[in-house]
C-alpha atoms as a PDB file:
ATOM      1  CA  MET A   1     -21.210 159.831 -89.483  1.00  0.00           C
ATOM      2  CA  PHE A   2     -24.698 158.765 -88.462  1.00  0.00           C
ATOM      3  CA  GLY A   3     -23.149 155.180 -87.880  1.00  0.00           C
ATOM      4  CA  LYS A   4     -20.386 156.844 -85.479  1.00  0.00           C
ATOM      5  CA  LEU A   5     -23.409 158.871 -83.807  1.00  0.00           C
ATOM      6  CA  THR A   6     -25.267 155.376 -83.276  1.00  0.00           C
ATOM      7  CA  LEU A   7     -22.264 153.848 -81.823  1.00  0.00           C
ATOM      8  CA  PHE A   8     -21.808 156.777 -79.653  1.00  0.00           C
ATOM      9  CA  ARG A   9     -25.451 156.800 -78.200  1.00  0.00           C
ATOM     10  CA  ARG A  10     -25.331 153.126 -77.665  1.00  0.00           C
ATOM     11  CA  GLY A  11     -22.080 153.486 -75.673  1.00  0.00           C
ATOM     12  CA  LEU A  12     -23.714 156.255 -73.565  1.00  0.00           C
ATOM     13  CA  ALA A  13     -26.629 153.863 -73.006  1.00  0.00           C
ATOM     14  CA  LEU A  14     -24.344 150.917 -72.097  1.00  0.00           C
ATOM     15  CA  SER A  15     -22.363 153.222 -69.706  1.00  0.00           C
ATOM     16  CA  ALA A  16     -25.527 154.477 -68.188  1.00  0.00           C
ATOM     17  CA  VAL A  17     -26.711 150.875 -67.577  1.00  0.00           C
ATOM     18  CA  SER A  18     -23.271 149.938 -66.121  1.00  0.00           C
ATOM     19  CA  TYR A  19     -23.384 152.686 -63.728  1.00  0.00           C
ATOM     20  CA  LEU A  20     -26.935 151.762 -62.699  1.00  0.00           C
ATOM     21  CA  GLY A  21     -25.992 148.410 -62.491  1.00  0.00           C
ATOM     22  CA  TYR A  22     -22.649 149.421 -60.173  1.00  0.00           C
ATOM     23  CA  GLU A  23     -25.055 151.623 -58.089  1.00  0.00           C
ATOM     24  CA  ALA A  24     -27.572 148.880 -57.662  1.00  0.00           C
ATOM     25  CA  TYR A  25     -24.753 146.534 -56.603  1.00  0.00           C
ATOM     26  CA  ASN A  26     -23.459 148.895 -53.981  1.00  0.00           C
ATOM     27  CA  SER A  27     -26.716 149.482 -52.707  1.00  0.00           C
ATOM     28  CA  ILE A  28     -27.481 145.696 -52.316  1.00  0.00           C
ATOM     29  CA  SER A  29     -23.868 145.262 -50.873  1.00  0.00           C
ATOM     30  CA  HIS A  30     -24.488 147.812 -48.216  1.00  0.00           C
ATOM     31  CA  ALA A  31     -27.970 146.452 -47.448  1.00  0.00           C
ATOM     32  CA  ALA A  32     -26.516 142.856 -46.981  1.00  0.00           C
ATOM     33  CA  VAL A  33     -23.692 144.296 -44.686  1.00  0.00           C
ATOM     34  CA  VAL A  34     -26.299 146.181 -42.518  1.00  0.00           C
ATOM     35  CA  HIS A  35     -28.584 143.208 -42.489  1.00  0.00           C
ATOM     36  CA  ALA A  36     -25.903 140.862 -41.271  1.00  0.00           C
ATOM     37  CA  SER A  37     -24.763 143.375 -38.554  1.00  0.00           C
ATOM     38  CA  VAL A  38     -28.221 143.635 -37.424  1.00  0.00           C
ATOM     39  CA  LYS A  39     -28.618 139.821 -37.392  1.00  0.00           C
ATOM     40  CA  VAL A  40     -25.447 139.572 -35.415  1.00  0.00           C
ATOM     41  CA  GLU A  41     -26.742 141.999 -32.973  1.00  0.00           C
ATOM     42  CA  GLU A  42     -30.128 140.194 -32.563  1.00  0.00           C
ATOM     43  CA  ILE A  43     -28.306 136.919 -31.929  1.00  0.00           C
ATOM     44  CA  ILE A  44     -26.026 138.405 -29.249  1.00  0.00           C
ATOM     45  CA  GLU A  45     -29.182 140.168 -27.682  1.00  0.00           C
ATOM     46  CA  GLN A  46     -31.050 136.938 -27.675  1.00  0.00           C
ATOM     47  CA  ALA A  47     -27.921 134.858 -26.238  1.00  0.00           C
ATOM     48  CA  ASP A  48     -27.408 137.403 -23.400  1.00  0.00           C
ATOM     49  CA  TYR A  49     -30.936 137.254 -22.388  1.00  0.00           C
ATOM     50  CA  LEU A  50     -30.736 133.457 -22.331  1.00  0.00           C
ATOM     51  CA  TYR A  51     -27.552 133.508 -20.344  1.00  0.00           C
ATOM     52  CA  GLY A  52     -28.767 135.838 -17.814  1.00  0.00           C
ATOM     53  CA  SER A  53     -31.850 133.626 -17.403  1.00  0.00           C
ATOM     54  CA  GLY A  54     -29.925 130.568 -16.918  1.00  0.00           C
ATOM     55  CA  GLU A  55     -31.289 128.717 -19.910  1.00  0.00           C
ATOM     56  CA  THR A  56     -28.077 126.822 -20.541  1.00  0.00           C
ATOM     57  CA  LYS A  57     -29.498 124.448 -22.865  1.00  0.00           C
ATOM     58  CA  LYS A  58     -31.497 126.801 -24.999  1.00  0.00           C
ATOM     59  CA  LEU A  59     -28.381 129.227 -25.140  1.00  0.00           C
ATOM     60  CA  TYR A  60     -26.351 126.359 -26.658  1.00  0.00           C
ATOM     61  CA  GLN A  61     -29.009 125.421 -29.170  1.00  0.00           C
ATOM     62  CA  LEU A  62     -29.346 128.968 -30.415  1.00  0.00           C
ATOM     63  CA  LEU A  63     -25.481 129.187 -30.665  1.00  0.00           C
ATOM     64  CA  THR A  64     -24.848 126.262 -32.441  1.00  0.00           C
ATOM     65  CA  GLN A  65     -26.742 127.329 -35.276  1.00  0.00           C
ATOM     66  CA  HIS A  66     -24.248 129.876 -35.831  1.00  0.00           C
ATOM     67  CA  LYS A  67     -20.989 127.838 -35.012  1.00  0.00           C
ATOM     68  CA  ASN A  68     -19.746 128.596 -38.597  1.00  0.00           C
ATOM     69  CA  SER A  69     -19.879 132.452 -37.834  1.00  0.00           C
ATOM     70  CA  GLU A  70     -17.066 134.747 -38.480  1.00  0.00           C
ATOM     71  CA  ASP A  71     -17.670 136.856 -35.432  1.00  0.00           C
ATOM     72  CA  ALA A  72     -15.780 136.589 -32.441  1.00  0.00           C
ATOM     73  CA  GLU A  73     -18.580 137.993 -30.180  1.00  0.00           C
ATOM     74  CA  ILE A  74     -20.654 135.092 -31.168  1.00  0.00           C
ATOM     75  CA  LEU A  75     -17.962 132.585 -31.146  1.00  0.00           C
ATOM     76  CA  TRP A  76     -16.866 133.418 -27.396  1.00  0.00           C
ATOM     77  CA  ARG A  77     -20.151 132.973 -26.190  1.00  0.00           C
ATOM     78  CA  LEU A  78     -20.604 129.847 -27.979  1.00  0.00           C
ATOM     79  CA  ALA A  79     -17.369 128.599 -26.103  1.00  0.00           C
ATOM     80  CA  ARG A  80     -19.008 129.786 -22.895  1.00  0.00           C
ATOM     81  CA  ALA A  81     -22.212 127.985 -23.711  1.00  0.00           C
ATOM     82  CA  SER A  82     -20.350 124.842 -24.511  1.00  0.00           C
ATOM     83  CA  ARG A  83     -18.480 124.957 -21.285  1.00  0.00           C
ATOM     84  CA  ASP A  84     -21.488 125.646 -19.088  1.00  0.00           C
ATOM     85  CA  LEU A  85     -23.549 122.925 -20.721  1.00  0.00           C
ATOM     86  CA  ALA A  86     -20.387 120.803 -19.835  1.00  0.00           C
ATOM     87  CA  GLN A  87     -20.647 121.765 -16.249  1.00  0.00           C
ATOM     88  CA  LEU A  88     -24.257 120.741 -15.867  1.00  0.00           C
ATOM     89  CA  THR A  89     -24.786 117.467 -13.504  1.00  0.00           C
ATOM     90  CA  SER A  90     -27.204 116.081 -16.179  1.00  0.00           C
ATOM     91  CA  THR A  91     -24.248 115.997 -18.596  1.00  0.00           C
ATOM     92  CA  SER A  92     -22.474 112.569 -18.785  1.00  0.00           C
ATOM     93  CA  ALA A  93     -18.658 112.148 -18.609  1.00  0.00           C
ATOM     94  CA  GLU A  94     -18.295 111.416 -22.195  1.00  0.00           C
ATOM     95  CA  GLU A  95     -20.489 114.422 -23.524  1.00  0.00           C
ATOM     96  CA  LYS A  96     -18.517 116.621 -20.885  1.00  0.00           C
ATOM     97  CA  LYS A  97     -15.329 115.904 -22.634  1.00  0.00           C
ATOM     98  CA  GLN A  98     -16.542 116.342 -25.994  1.00  0.00           C
ATOM     99  CA  LEU A  99     -18.182 119.902 -25.110  1.00  0.00           C
ATOM    100  CA  VAL A 100     -14.908 120.787 -23.224  1.00  0.00           C
ATOM    101  CA  TYR A 101     -12.924 120.356 -26.399  1.00  0.00           C
ATOM    102  CA  GLU A 102     -15.438 121.738 -28.481  1.00  0.00           C
ATOM    103  CA  ALA A 103     -15.477 124.889 -26.322  1.00  0.00           C
ATOM    104  CA  LEU A 104     -11.741 125.307 -26.776  1.00  0.00           C
ATOM    105  CA  GLU A 105     -12.063 125.101 -30.801  1.00  0.00           C
ATOM    106  CA  TYR A 106     -14.885 127.924 -30.480  1.00  0.00           C
ATOM    107  CA  ALA A 107     -12.735 130.175 -28.282  1.00  0.00           C
ATOM    108  CA  LYS A 108      -9.545 129.549 -30.454  1.00  0.00           C
ATOM    109  CA  LYS A 109     -11.460 130.658 -33.636  1.00  0.00           C
ATOM    110  CA  ALA A 110     -12.830 133.667 -31.683  1.00  0.00           C
ATOM    111  CA  LEU A 111      -9.192 134.464 -30.893  1.00  0.00           C
ATOM    112  CA  GLU A 112      -8.192 134.201 -34.500  1.00  0.00           C
ATOM    113  CA  LYS A 113     -10.903 136.620 -35.409  1.00  0.00           C
ATOM    114  CA  ASN A 114     -10.500 139.261 -32.673  1.00  0.00           C
ATOM    115  CA  GLU A 115      -7.397 139.668 -30.464  1.00  0.00           C
ATOM    116  CA  SER A 116      -8.481 142.833 -29.046  1.00  0.00           C
ATOM    117  CA  SER A 117     -11.543 141.483 -27.022  1.00  0.00           C
ATOM    118  CA  PHE A 118     -11.020 141.084 -23.352  1.00  0.00           C
ATOM    119  CA  ALA A 119     -13.813 138.410 -23.180  1.00  0.00           C
ATOM    120  CA  VAL A 120     -12.209 136.351 -25.992  1.00  0.00           C
ATOM    121  CA  HIS A 121      -8.979 136.113 -24.057  1.00  0.00           C
ATOM    122  CA  LYS A 122     -10.804 135.314 -20.909  1.00  0.00           C
ATOM    123  CA  TRP A 123     -12.946 132.409 -22.336  1.00  0.00           C
ATOM    124  CA  TYR A 124      -9.878 131.127 -24.268  1.00  0.00           C
ATOM    125  CA  ALA A 125      -7.833 130.812 -20.950  1.00  0.00           C
ATOM    126  CA  ILE A 126     -10.823 129.284 -19.252  1.00  0.00           C
ATOM    127  CA  CYS A 127     -11.306 126.511 -21.894  1.00  0.00           C
ATOM    128  CA  ILE A 128      -7.601 125.641 -21.991  1.00  0.00           C
ATOM    129  CA  SER A 129      -7.611 125.076 -18.302  1.00  0.00           C
ATOM    130  CA  ASP A 130     -10.648 122.981 -18.795  1.00  0.00           C
ATOM    131  CA  VAL A 131      -8.892 120.842 -21.525  1.00  0.00           C
ATOM    132  CA  GLY A 132      -5.852 120.500 -19.160  1.00  0.00           C
ATOM    133  CA  ASP A 133      -7.972 118.104 -16.818  1.00  0.00           C
ATOM    134  CA  TYR A 134      -8.017 115.542 -19.554  1.00  0.00           C
ATOM    135  CA  GLU A 135      -4.142 115.688 -20.808  1.00  0.00           C
ATOM    136  CA  GLY A 136      -2.174 115.049 -17.987  1.00  0.00           C
ATOM    137  CA  ILE A 137       0.017 117.023 -15.423  1.00  0.00           C
ATOM    138  CA  LYS A 138       2.930 117.951 -17.984  1.00  0.00           C
ATOM    139  CA  THR A 139       0.413 119.546 -20.497  1.00  0.00           C
ATOM    140  CA  LYS A 140      -1.428 121.187 -17.702  1.00  0.00           C
ATOM    141  CA  ILE A 141       1.604 122.917 -16.320  1.00  0.00           C
ATOM    142  CA  ALA A 142       2.773 123.874 -19.810  1.00  0.00           C
ATOM    143  CA  ASN A 143      -0.749 125.349 -20.476  1.00  0.00           C
ATOM    144  CA  ALA A 144      -0.460 127.392 -17.337  1.00  0.00           C
ATOM    145  CA  TYR A 145       1.873 129.904 -18.903  1.00  0.00           C
ATOM    146  CA  VAL A 146      -0.616 130.447 -21.626  1.00  0.00           C
ATOM    147  CA  ILE A 147      -3.535 130.829 -19.455  1.00  0.00           C
ATOM    148  CA  LYS A 148      -1.836 133.375 -17.111  1.00  0.00           C
ATOM    149  CA  GLU A 149      -0.902 135.095 -20.284  1.00  0.00           C
ATOM    150  CA  HIS A 150      -4.313 135.285 -21.566  1.00  0.00           C
ATOM    151  CA  PHE A 151      -5.859 136.276 -18.124  1.00  0.00           C
ATOM    152  CA  GLN A 152      -3.391 139.155 -17.946  1.00  0.00           C
ATOM    153  CA  LYS A 153      -4.107 140.232 -21.308  1.00  0.00           C
ATOM    154  CA  ALA A 154      -7.839 140.350 -20.495  1.00  0.00           C
ATOM    155  CA  ILE A 155      -7.278 142.435 -17.557  1.00  0.00           C
ATOM    156  CA  GLU A 156      -5.141 144.692 -19.642  1.00  0.00           C
ATOM    157  CA  LEU A 157      -7.907 145.026 -22.260  1.00  0.00           C
ATOM    158  CA  ASN A 158     -10.400 145.774 -19.299  1.00  0.00           C
ATOM    159  CA  PRO A 159      -9.058 146.448 -15.843  1.00  0.00           C
ATOM    160  CA  LYS A 160     -12.902 146.850 -14.625  1.00  0.00           C
ATOM    161  CA  ASP A 161     -13.730 143.080 -15.564  1.00  0.00           C
ATOM    162  CA  ALA A 162     -13.808 141.551 -11.934  1.00  0.00           C
ATOM    163  CA  THR A 163     -14.235 138.119 -13.320  1.00  0.00           C
ATOM    164  CA  SER A 164     -10.952 138.286 -15.052  1.00  0.00           C
ATOM    165  CA  ILE A 165      -8.942 139.751 -11.965  1.00  0.00           C
ATOM    166  CA  HIS A 166     -10.670 136.979  -9.747  1.00  0.00           C
ATOM    167  CA  LEU A 167      -9.413 134.145 -12.438  1.00  0.00           C
ATOM    168  CA  MET A 168      -5.933 135.412 -12.134  1.00  0.00           C
ATOM    169  CA  GLY A 169      -6.296 135.011  -8.433  1.00  0.00           C
ATOM    170  CA  ILE A 170      -7.382 131.595  -8.711  1.00  0.00           C
ATOM    171  CA  TRP A 171      -4.335 131.000 -10.871  1.00  0.00           C
ATOM    172  CA  CYS A 172      -2.259 132.418  -8.141  1.00  0.00           C
ATOM    173  CA  TYR A 173      -3.919 130.221  -5.365  1.00  0.00           C
ATOM    174  CA  SER A 174      -3.770 127.011  -7.555  1.00  0.00           C
ATOM    175  CA  PHE A 175       0.082 127.425  -7.682  1.00  0.00           C
ATOM    176  CA  ALA A 176       0.472 128.519  -4.170  1.00  0.00           C
ATOM    177  CA  GLU A 177      -1.141 125.312  -2.780  1.00  0.00           C
ATOM    178  CA  MET A 178       0.145 123.005  -5.372  1.00  0.00           C
ATOM    179  CA  PRO A 179       1.098 119.786  -3.847  1.00  0.00           C
ATOM    180  CA  TRP A 180       4.784 118.818  -3.337  1.00  0.00           C
ATOM    181  CA  TYR A 181       4.816 116.038  -5.942  1.00  0.00           C
ATOM    182  CA  GLN A 182       3.306 118.212  -8.580  1.00  0.00           C
ATOM    183  CA  SER A 183       5.977 120.917  -7.606  1.00  0.00           C
ATOM    184  CA  LYS A 184       8.713 118.347  -8.248  1.00  0.00           C
ATOM    185  CA  ILE A 185       7.298 117.101 -11.415  1.00  0.00           C
ATOM    186  CA  ALA A 186       7.004 120.680 -12.680  1.00  0.00           C
ATOM    187  CA  ALA A 187      10.729 121.318 -11.528  1.00  0.00           C
ATOM    188  CA  MET A 188      11.843 118.290 -13.566  1.00  0.00           C
ATOM    189  CA  LEU A 189      10.192 119.139 -16.674  1.00  0.00           C
ATOM    190  CA  PHE A 190      10.578 123.124 -16.918  1.00  0.00           C
ATOM    191  CA  ALA A 191      13.435 125.203 -16.274  1.00  0.00           C
ATOM    192  CA  ALA A 192      11.210 127.783 -14.644  1.00  0.00           C
ATOM    193  CA  PRO A 193       7.988 126.117 -13.669  1.00  0.00           C
ATOM    194  CA  PRO A 194       4.813 128.344 -12.834  1.00  0.00           C
ATOM    195  CA  SER A 195       4.726 129.443  -9.247  1.00  0.00           C
ATOM    196  CA  SER A 196       3.100 131.998  -6.913  1.00  0.00           C
ATOM    197  CA  THR A 197       2.146 132.856  -3.419  1.00  0.00           C
ATOM    198  CA  TYR A 198      -1.051 133.098  -1.464  1.00  0.00           C
ATOM    199  CA  GLU A 199      -0.238 136.944  -0.932  1.00  0.00           C
ATOM    200  CA  GLU A 200      -0.385 137.380  -4.754  1.00  0.00           C
ATOM    201  CA  ALA A 201      -3.628 135.401  -4.756  1.00  0.00           C
ATOM    202  CA  LEU A 202      -5.037 137.563  -1.956  1.00  0.00           C
ATOM    203  CA  SER A 203      -4.063 140.797  -4.039  1.00  0.00           C
ATOM    204  CA  TYR A 204      -6.371 139.926  -6.859  1.00  0.00           C
ATOM    205  CA  PHE A 205      -9.321 138.592  -4.907  1.00  0.00           C
ATOM    206  CA  HIS A 206      -9.303 142.214  -3.094  1.00  0.00           C
ATOM    207  CA  LYS A 207      -8.774 143.799  -6.291  1.00  0.00           C
ATOM    208  CA  ALA A 208     -11.837 142.025  -7.710  1.00  0.00           C
ATOM    209  CA  GLU A 209     -13.759 143.192  -4.886  1.00  0.00           C
ATOM    210  CA  GLU A 210     -12.613 146.773  -5.249  1.00  0.00           C
ATOM    211  CA  VAL A 211     -13.879 146.761  -8.924  1.00  0.00           C
ATOM    212  CA  ASP A 212     -17.292 145.198  -8.307  1.00  0.00           C
ATOM    213  CA  PRO A 213     -18.072 144.505  -4.543  1.00  0.00           C
ATOM    214  CA  ASN A 214     -19.991 141.217  -3.638  1.00  0.00           C
ATOM    215  CA  PHE A 215     -19.930 140.283  -7.450  1.00  0.00           C
ATOM    216  CA  TYR A 216     -19.307 136.652  -6.798  1.00  0.00           C
ATOM    217  CA  SER A 217     -19.743 134.356  -3.906  1.00  0.00           C
ATOM    218  CA  LYS A 218     -16.606 132.193  -4.830  1.00  0.00           C
ATOM    219  CA  ASN A 219     -14.459 135.475  -4.572  1.00  0.00           C
ATOM    220  CA  LEU A 220     -15.611 136.021  -1.141  1.00  0.00           C
ATOM    221  CA  LEU A 221     -14.970 132.360  -0.196  1.00  0.00           C
ATOM    222  CA  LEU A 222     -11.435 132.475  -1.664  1.00  0.00           C
ATOM    223  CA  LEU A 223     -10.532 135.543   0.318  1.00  0.00           C
ATOM    224  CA  GLY A 224     -11.705 133.767   3.504  1.00  0.00           C
ATOM    225  CA  LYS A 225      -9.712 130.616   2.373  1.00  0.00           C
ATOM    226  CA  THR A 226      -6.596 132.605   1.533  1.00  0.00           C
ATOM    227  CA  TYR A 227      -6.614 134.443   4.864  1.00  0.00           C
ATOM    228  CA  LEU A 228      -6.799 130.910   6.556  1.00  0.00           C
ATOM    229  CA  LYS A 229      -3.849 129.715   4.625  1.00  0.00           C
ATOM    230  CA  LEU A 230      -1.975 132.841   5.798  1.00  0.00           C
ATOM    231  CA  ASN A 231      -2.979 132.121   9.588  1.00  0.00           C
ATOM    232  CA  ASN A 232      -5.110 135.386   9.851  1.00  0.00           C
ATOM    233  CA  ARG A 233      -8.201 133.995  11.256  1.00  0.00           C
ATOM    234  CA  LYS A 234      -9.554 137.254  12.152  1.00  0.00           C
ATOM    235  CA  MET A 235      -9.679 138.419   8.432  1.00  0.00           C
ATOM    236  CA  ALA A 236     -10.850 134.873   7.396  1.00  0.00           C
ATOM    237  CA  LEU A 237     -13.876 134.872   9.705  1.00  0.00           C
ATOM    238  CA  LEU A 238     -14.672 138.201   8.293  1.00  0.00           C
ATOM    239  CA  TRP A 239     -14.961 137.261   4.729  1.00  0.00           C
ATOM    240  CA  LEU A 240     -16.227 133.699   5.376  1.00  0.00           C
ATOM    241  CA  THR A 241     -19.289 135.167   7.252  1.00  0.00           C
ATOM    242  CA  LYS A 242     -19.895 137.641   4.151  1.00  0.00           C
ATOM    243  CA  THR A 243     -19.895 134.299   2.150  1.00  0.00           C
ATOM    244  CA  ARG A 244     -22.439 132.754   4.549  1.00  0.00           C
ATOM    245  CA  ASP A 245     -24.528 135.785   4.409  1.00  0.00           C
ATOM    246  CA  TYR A 246     -24.385 135.740   0.557  1.00  0.00           C
ATOM    247  CA  PRO A 247     -27.894 135.263  -1.176  1.00  0.00           C
ATOM    248  CA  ALA A 248     -27.761 132.116  -3.234  1.00  0.00           C
ATOM    249  CA  HIS A 249     -28.882 132.935  -6.886  1.00  0.00           C
ATOM    250  CA  THR A 250     -27.151 130.240  -8.669  1.00  0.00           C
ATOM    251  CA  GLU A 251     -26.294 126.371  -8.162  1.00  0.00           C
ATOM    252  CA  GLU A 252     -22.727 127.548  -7.610  1.00  0.00           C
ATOM    253  CA  ASP A 253     -23.894 129.804  -4.723  1.00  0.00           C
ATOM    254  CA  LYS A 254     -25.573 126.980  -3.235  1.00  0.00           C
ATOM    255  CA  GLN A 255     -22.415 124.827  -3.567  1.00  0.00           C
ATOM    256  CA  VAL A 256     -20.488 127.451  -2.010  1.00  0.00           C
ATOM    257  CA  GLY A 257     -22.955 127.720   0.929  1.00  0.00           C
ATOM    258  CA  LYS A 258     -22.291 124.248   1.777  1.00  0.00           C
ATOM    259  CA  ILE A 259     -18.493 124.717   1.848  1.00  0.00           C
ATOM    260  CA  ILE A 260     -19.046 127.493   4.312  1.00  0.00           C
ATOM    261  CA  ILE A 261     -21.014 125.045   6.528  1.00  0.00           C
ATOM    262  CA  VAL A 262     -17.908 122.594   6.500  1.00  0.00           C
ATOM    263  CA  ILE A 263     -15.410 125.287   7.047  1.00  0.00           C
ATOM    264  CA  MET A 264     -17.102 127.263   9.595  1.00  0.00           C
END
């Protein structure tokens, strides 16, 4: 009888230890999740600060430390940082190509992790477009369908993102002004090659301005250039003047300013 009682008490003791161990495990696991969440938020906060400050190289260095992350918000920012580094004039042609393909891999991984993020779709489309510059006209045209699909998905997920709308406008503009020989190649390779019109491009550029007025010097420039293509010189002059008067905050703004001098 006492033997059974001892075994019963020992069982209770073991159960208590097991329960306490389980609670401790739960507590530690929860703390680890919270800590990981806080860490991701801190990384994103640092990354956004560096991006806003134009610290391209520092941003890339920060985010490459987390290239194995499973978080889509970190990964699409890393894709953007890789691409931005590739765009710097100080980056060699060989490094640029490597960074362009690297950016696409990060964007692809981000898309696998989260298909509900408009930013992921936007940067995936941008990165595919960049890679097309290295893979020939056939691949570039084939990629155009994918690029359009992801820009449209980005707009669907966030109709207030002026940049996605602007990029869809660029897509339309690019195919509206496609050289005749490329159009001929496209028609030979695809039953229904991608196509668009200047009117369609114009609607996207205007929509981007409605969503976020004066958000981007290049959108103003393309409004002016598209009106020129449509032989509406009055409206072209209006938007090109706005472009000329746009304060140059970035290197791209300065480049746009130089283009305006040539056009006007």
